[in-house]
Amino acid sequence: MSRPRTRTIVITLAPLLIVASLVAIYFLTRPPALVRAAESIVRQAERGRAVEVAEIEQRFGTSYERDFAGWDRAYHLGDDGSFFAIDSRWLVIRLNPQTGRVIDAAVIVD
């Protein structure tokens, strides 16, 4: 009975393990769809595009009564994405008092 060549098995499995590791890293570090949508709203607000509150609430639900200094509304996006997630990610917005439209937005971690 012949012994399998361990070195040959390791060499043939190495590329498969490397690819599997890279795929896992990609999916573990990629932000969730809700965070990507929030970052899109932040970019729109930075460019000066008018963002309606109704559009935000349709996508993220109703705002939470959180006290973030200087921000008018806060929307919960989920955990902060770390391995031991103890903090939360929030979309916070500042509104124009006359028009009620978003004038500033940010994604923050508490």
N, C-alpha and C. Protein backbone atom coordinates (compact mmCIF):
# COMPACT_ATOMS: atom_id res chain seq x y z
N MET A 1 0.84 -1.16 0.00
CA MET A 1 0.00 0.00 0.00
C MET A 1 0.89 1.24 0.00
N SER A 2 0.64 2.14 -0.90
CA SER A 2 1.48 3.34 -1.00
C SER A 2 0.89 4.46 -0.16
N ARG A 3 1.80 5.27 0.35
CA ARG A 3 1.40 6.43 1.17
C ARG A 3 1.11 7.63 0.28
N PRO A 4 0.03 8.40 0.52
CA PRO A 4 -0.21 9.58 -0.32
C PRO A 4 0.87 10.63 -0.06
N ARG A 5 1.16 11.35 -1.06
CA ARG A 5 2.17 12.39 -0.93
C ARG A 5 1.53 13.63 -0.30
N THR A 6 1.91 13.91 0.91
CA THR A 6 1.35 15.04 1.64
C THR A 6 1.70 16.36 0.98
N ARG A 7 2.92 16.44 0.51
CA ARG A 7 3.37 17.68 -0.12
C ARG A 7 2.55 18.00 -1.36
N THR A 8 2.25 16.99 -2.15
CA THR A 8 1.45 17.20 -3.36
C THR A 8 0.04 17.66 -3.01
N ILE A 9 -0.54 17.09 -1.97
CA ILE A 9 -1.89 17.47 -1.56
C ILE A 9 -1.91 18.92 -1.08
N VAL A 10 -0.92 19.31 -0.30
CA VAL A 10 -0.85 20.68 0.21
C VAL A 10 -0.68 21.66 -0.93
N ILE A 11 0.17 21.34 -1.87
CA ILE A 11 0.42 22.24 -3.01
C ILE A 11 -0.83 22.38 -3.87
N THR A 12 -1.60 21.32 -4.04
CA THR A 12 -2.81 21.42 -4.87
C THR A 12 -3.96 22.11 -4.14
N LEU A 13 -3.98 22.05 -2.81
CA LEU A 13 -5.05 22.69 -2.06
C LEU A 13 -4.76 24.15 -1.74
N ALA A 14 -3.50 24.55 -1.78
CA ALA A 14 -3.12 25.92 -1.42
C ALA A 14 -3.86 26.98 -2.23
N PRO A 15 -3.91 26.89 -3.57
CA PRO A 15 -4.64 27.94 -4.32
C PRO A 15 -6.12 28.00 -3.96
N LEU A 16 -6.74 26.85 -3.72
CA LEU A 16 -8.13 26.82 -3.33
C LEU A 16 -8.34 27.51 -1.98
N LEU A 17 -7.46 27.28 -1.03
CA LEU A 17 -7.57 27.93 0.27
C LEU A 17 -7.35 29.43 0.17
N ILE A 18 -6.44 29.86 -0.68
CA ILE A 18 -6.18 31.28 -0.86
C ILE A 18 -7.41 31.97 -1.46
N VAL A 19 -8.00 31.38 -2.47
CA VAL A 19 -9.19 31.96 -3.11
C VAL A 19 -10.36 32.00 -2.11
N ALA A 20 -10.55 30.93 -1.36
CA ALA A 20 -11.63 30.89 -0.38
C ALA A 20 -11.42 31.97 0.68
N SER A 21 -10.19 32.19 1.09
CA SER A 21 -9.89 33.22 2.09
C SER A 21 -10.18 34.61 1.54
N LEU A 22 -9.79 34.86 0.30
CA LEU A 22 -10.05 36.17 -0.31
C LEU A 22 -11.54 36.45 -0.47
N VAL A 23 -12.30 35.45 -0.85
CA VAL A 23 -13.75 35.61 -0.98
C VAL A 23 -14.37 35.90 0.38
N ALA A 24 -13.94 35.18 1.41
CA ALA A 24 -14.46 35.41 2.75
C ALA A 24 -14.13 36.81 3.24
N ILE A 25 -12.93 37.28 3.01
CA ILE A 25 -12.53 38.62 3.43
C ILE A 25 -13.38 39.67 2.70
N TYR A 26 -13.62 39.46 1.41
CA TYR A 26 -14.44 40.41 0.65
C TYR A 26 -15.83 40.54 1.25
N PHE A 27 -16.49 39.42 1.53
CA PHE A 27 -17.85 39.47 2.04
C PHE A 27 -17.93 39.91 3.50
N LEU A 28 -16.89 39.66 4.28
CA LEU A 28 -16.91 40.07 5.68
C LEU A 28 -16.62 41.55 5.85
N THR A 29 -15.85 42.14 4.93
CA THR A 29 -15.49 43.55 5.07
C THR A 29 -16.39 44.47 4.25
N ARG A 30 -17.22 43.94 3.39
CA ARG A 30 -18.11 44.76 2.56
C ARG A 30 -19.26 45.27 3.42
N PRO A 31 -19.54 46.57 3.38
CA PRO A 31 -20.64 47.08 4.21
C PRO A 31 -21.99 46.58 3.71
N PRO A 32 -22.95 46.42 4.60
CA PRO A 32 -24.29 45.97 4.20
C PRO A 32 -24.95 46.96 3.24
N ALA A 33 -25.97 46.49 2.56
CA ALA A 33 -26.67 47.31 1.56
C ALA A 33 -27.26 48.58 2.18
N LEU A 34 -27.73 48.49 3.41
CA LEU A 34 -28.32 49.66 4.06
C LEU A 34 -27.28 50.75 4.29
N VAL A 35 -26.07 50.35 4.65
CA VAL A 35 -24.98 51.33 4.86
C VAL A 35 -24.59 51.95 3.53
N ARG A 36 -24.51 51.15 2.48
CA ARG A 36 -24.18 51.70 1.15
C ARG A 36 -25.24 52.70 0.70
N ALA A 37 -26.51 52.41 0.97
CA ALA A 37 -27.59 53.34 0.62
C ALA A 37 -27.47 54.63 1.42
N ALA A 38 -27.11 54.52 2.70
CA ALA A 38 -26.93 55.72 3.53
C ALA A 38 -25.77 56.55 3.04
N GLU A 39 -24.68 55.90 2.65
CA GLU A 39 -23.53 56.64 2.11
C GLU A 39 -23.89 57.34 0.81
N SER A 40 -24.79 56.76 0.04
CA SER A 40 -25.27 57.40 -1.18
C SER A 40 -26.03 58.69 -0.85
N ILE A 41 -26.84 58.66 0.19
CA ILE A 41 -27.57 59.86 0.61
C ILE A 41 -26.61 60.93 1.10
N VAL A 42 -25.56 60.51 1.82
CA VAL A 42 -24.55 61.46 2.29
C VAL A 42 -23.87 62.14 1.10
N ARG A 43 -23.52 61.36 0.08
CA ARG A 43 -22.88 61.94 -1.11
C ARG A 43 -23.82 62.91 -1.82
N GLN A 44 -25.10 62.58 -1.90
CA GLN A 44 -26.07 63.46 -2.53
C GLN A 44 -26.19 64.78 -1.76
N ALA A 45 -26.21 64.69 -0.44
CA ALA A 45 -26.31 65.91 0.38
C ALA A 45 -25.05 66.75 0.24
N GLU A 46 -23.88 66.10 0.13
CA GLU A 46 -22.63 66.84 -0.04
C GLU A 46 -22.59 67.58 -1.37
N ARG A 47 -23.20 67.01 -2.39
CA ARG A 47 -23.22 67.65 -3.71
C ARG A 47 -24.28 68.74 -3.81
N GLY A 48 -25.09 68.88 -2.78
CA GLY A 48 -26.12 69.91 -2.79
C GLY A 48 -27.43 69.46 -3.40
N ARG A 49 -27.56 68.19 -3.73
CA ARG A 49 -28.81 67.68 -4.28
C ARG A 49 -29.85 67.62 -3.18
N ALA A 50 -31.03 68.08 -3.47
CA ALA A 50 -32.12 68.07 -2.48
C ALA A 50 -32.56 66.64 -2.22
N VAL A 51 -32.51 66.25 -0.97
CA VAL A 51 -32.95 64.93 -0.56
C VAL A 51 -34.17 65.11 0.33
N GLU A 52 -35.25 64.46 -0.03
CA GLU A 52 -36.50 64.58 0.73
C GLU A 52 -36.47 63.63 1.93
N VAL A 53 -37.04 64.07 3.03
CA VAL A 53 -37.13 63.23 4.24
C VAL A 53 -38.00 62.01 3.95
N ALA A 54 -39.05 62.17 3.15
CA ALA A 54 -39.93 61.05 2.82
C ALA A 54 -39.15 59.95 2.10
N GLU A 55 -38.22 60.34 1.25
CA GLU A 55 -37.38 59.36 0.53
C GLU A 55 -36.51 58.58 1.52
N ILE A 56 -35.98 59.27 2.50
CA ILE A 56 -35.14 58.61 3.51
C ILE A 56 -35.97 57.68 4.37
N GLU A 57 -37.14 58.15 4.82
CA GLU A 57 -37.97 57.32 5.69
C GLU A 57 -38.55 56.12 4.96
N GLN A 58 -38.74 56.24 3.66
CA GLN A 58 -39.20 55.09 2.88
C GLN A 58 -38.13 54.01 2.86
N ARG A 59 -36.89 54.41 2.79
CA ARG A 59 -35.77 53.47 2.70
C ARG A 59 -35.32 52.94 4.06
N PHE A 60 -35.35 53.79 5.09
CA PHE A 60 -34.77 53.42 6.38
C PHE A 60 -35.78 53.31 7.51
N GLY A 61 -37.04 53.58 7.27
CA GLY A 61 -38.03 53.54 8.33
C GLY A 61 -38.08 54.86 9.08
N THR A 62 -38.80 54.87 10.19
CA THR A 62 -38.93 56.12 10.94
C THR A 62 -37.66 56.40 11.73
N SER A 63 -37.48 57.66 12.03
CA SER A 63 -36.27 58.07 12.75
C SER A 63 -36.40 57.75 14.23
N TYR A 64 -35.26 57.59 14.88
CA TYR A 64 -35.21 57.30 16.31
C TYR A 64 -35.05 58.60 17.09
N GLU A 65 -35.51 58.60 18.28
CA GLU A 65 -35.35 59.76 19.16
C GLU A 65 -34.01 59.66 19.88
N ARG A 66 -32.94 59.80 19.14
CA ARG A 66 -31.59 59.79 19.72
C ARG A 66 -31.08 61.21 19.77
N ASP A 67 -30.28 61.51 20.76
CA ASP A 67 -29.75 62.85 20.90
C ASP A 67 -28.32 62.88 20.37
N PHE A 68 -28.18 63.19 19.10
CA PHE A 68 -26.87 63.44 18.50
C PHE A 68 -26.77 64.95 18.35
N ALA A 69 -25.85 65.54 19.04
CA ALA A 69 -25.72 67.01 19.08
C ALA A 69 -25.58 67.58 17.67
N GLY A 70 -26.44 68.52 17.33
CA GLY A 70 -26.37 69.21 16.05
C GLY A 70 -27.10 68.52 14.92
N TRP A 71 -27.66 67.34 15.15
CA TRP A 71 -28.37 66.61 14.11
C TRP A 71 -29.84 66.57 14.47
N ASP A 72 -30.69 66.63 13.44
CA ASP A 72 -32.13 66.66 13.68
C ASP A 72 -32.76 65.27 13.77
N ARG A 73 -32.30 64.34 12.96
CA ARG A 73 -32.88 62.99 12.94
C ARG A 73 -31.79 61.94 12.84
N ALA A 74 -32.11 60.75 13.33
CA ALA A 74 -31.16 59.63 13.29
C ALA A 74 -31.88 58.36 12.86
N TYR A 75 -31.24 57.59 11.98
CA TYR A 75 -31.80 56.33 11.48
C TYR A 75 -30.79 55.22 11.75
N HIS A 76 -31.25 54.16 12.40
CA HIS A 76 -30.37 53.06 12.78
C HIS A 76 -30.04 52.21 11.54
N LEU A 77 -28.74 51.95 11.32
CA LEU A 77 -28.31 51.16 10.16
C LEU A 77 -27.85 49.76 10.54
N GLY A 78 -27.72 49.48 11.82
CA GLY A 78 -27.25 48.17 12.26
C GLY A 78 -25.98 48.31 13.07
N ASP A 79 -25.32 47.17 13.31
CA ASP A 79 -24.09 47.22 14.11
C ASP A 79 -22.96 47.84 13.31
N ASP A 80 -21.86 48.12 14.00
CA ASP A 80 -20.76 48.86 13.38
C ASP A 80 -19.93 48.04 12.40
N GLY A 81 -20.21 46.75 12.27
CA GLY A 81 -19.52 45.92 11.29
C GLY A 81 -18.25 45.28 11.78
N SER A 82 -17.87 45.51 13.03
CA SER A 82 -16.66 44.89 13.55
C SER A 82 -16.97 43.46 13.99
N PHE A 83 -15.91 42.71 14.31
CA PHE A 83 -16.08 41.31 14.69
C PHE A 83 -16.89 41.19 15.98
N PHE A 84 -16.55 41.97 16.99
CA PHE A 84 -17.31 42.02 18.24
C PHE A 84 -18.07 43.34 18.25
N ALA A 85 -19.19 43.38 17.57
CA ALA A 85 -19.94 44.62 17.40
C ALA A 85 -20.68 45.00 18.67
N ILE A 86 -20.23 46.09 19.29
CA ILE A 86 -20.93 46.60 20.47
C ILE A 86 -21.50 48.00 20.19
N ASP A 87 -21.10 48.61 19.11
CA ASP A 87 -21.60 49.93 18.74
C ASP A 87 -22.56 49.80 17.57
N SER A 88 -23.27 50.88 17.29
CA SER A 88 -24.22 50.91 16.19
C SER A 88 -23.83 51.98 15.18
N ARG A 89 -24.22 51.75 13.93
CA ARG A 89 -24.03 52.72 12.87
C ARG A 89 -25.34 53.47 12.66
N TRP A 90 -25.24 54.79 12.48
CA TRP A 90 -26.41 55.63 12.33
C TRP A 90 -26.26 56.55 11.13
N LEU A 91 -27.36 56.77 10.42
CA LEU A 91 -27.44 57.84 9.43
C LEU A 91 -28.07 59.02 10.16
N VAL A 92 -27.34 60.12 10.27
CA VAL A 92 -27.87 61.31 10.93
C VAL A 92 -28.02 62.41 9.88
N ILE A 93 -29.09 63.19 10.01
CA ILE A 93 -29.35 64.24 9.03
C ILE A 93 -29.66 65.55 9.74
N ARG A 94 -29.32 66.63 9.07
CA ARG A 94 -29.66 67.99 9.52
C ARG A 94 -30.62 68.56 8.48
N LEU A 95 -31.71 69.15 8.96
CA LEU A 95 -32.76 69.65 8.07
C LEU A 95 -32.75 71.17 7.99
N ASN A 96 -33.15 71.68 6.84
CA ASN A 96 -33.38 73.11 6.66
C ASN A 96 -34.71 73.42 7.34
N PRO A 97 -34.73 74.34 8.32
CA PRO A 97 -35.98 74.60 9.05
C PRO A 97 -37.11 75.15 8.18
N GLN A 98 -36.78 75.88 7.11
CA GLN A 98 -37.82 76.46 6.27
C GLN A 98 -38.42 75.44 5.30
N THR A 99 -37.57 74.65 4.66
CA THR A 99 -38.05 73.74 3.63
C THR A 99 -38.26 72.31 4.13
N GLY A 100 -37.59 71.93 5.20
CA GLY A 100 -37.69 70.56 5.70
C GLY A 100 -36.86 69.57 4.92
N ARG A 101 -36.01 70.06 4.04
CA ARG A 101 -35.15 69.18 3.25
C ARG A 101 -33.81 68.97 3.94
N VAL A 102 -33.15 67.91 3.53
CA VAL A 102 -31.85 67.57 4.12
C VAL A 102 -30.78 68.55 3.61
N ILE A 103 -30.04 69.14 4.54
CA ILE A 103 -28.95 70.03 4.13
C ILE A 103 -27.59 69.41 4.45
N ASP A 104 -27.57 68.42 5.35
CA ASP A 104 -26.32 67.75 5.69
C ASP A 104 -26.66 66.35 6.19
N ALA A 105 -25.77 65.40 5.94
CA ALA A 105 -25.98 64.02 6.37
C ALA A 105 -24.63 63.38 6.63
N ALA A 106 -24.63 62.38 7.50
CA ALA A 106 -23.39 61.65 7.80
C ALA A 106 -23.74 60.27 8.34
N VAL A 107 -22.81 59.33 8.18
CA VAL A 107 -22.92 58.02 8.79
C VAL A 107 -21.94 58.02 9.96
N ILE A 108 -22.45 57.81 11.17
CA ILE A 108 -21.60 57.86 12.36
C ILE A 108 -21.75 56.57 13.17
N VAL A 109 -20.78 56.32 14.04
CA VAL A 109 -20.82 55.18 14.95
C VAL A 109 -20.88 55.72 16.37
N ASP A 110 -21.81 55.19 17.17
CA ASP A 110 -21.90 55.66 18.56
C ASP A 110 -21.19 54.73 19.51
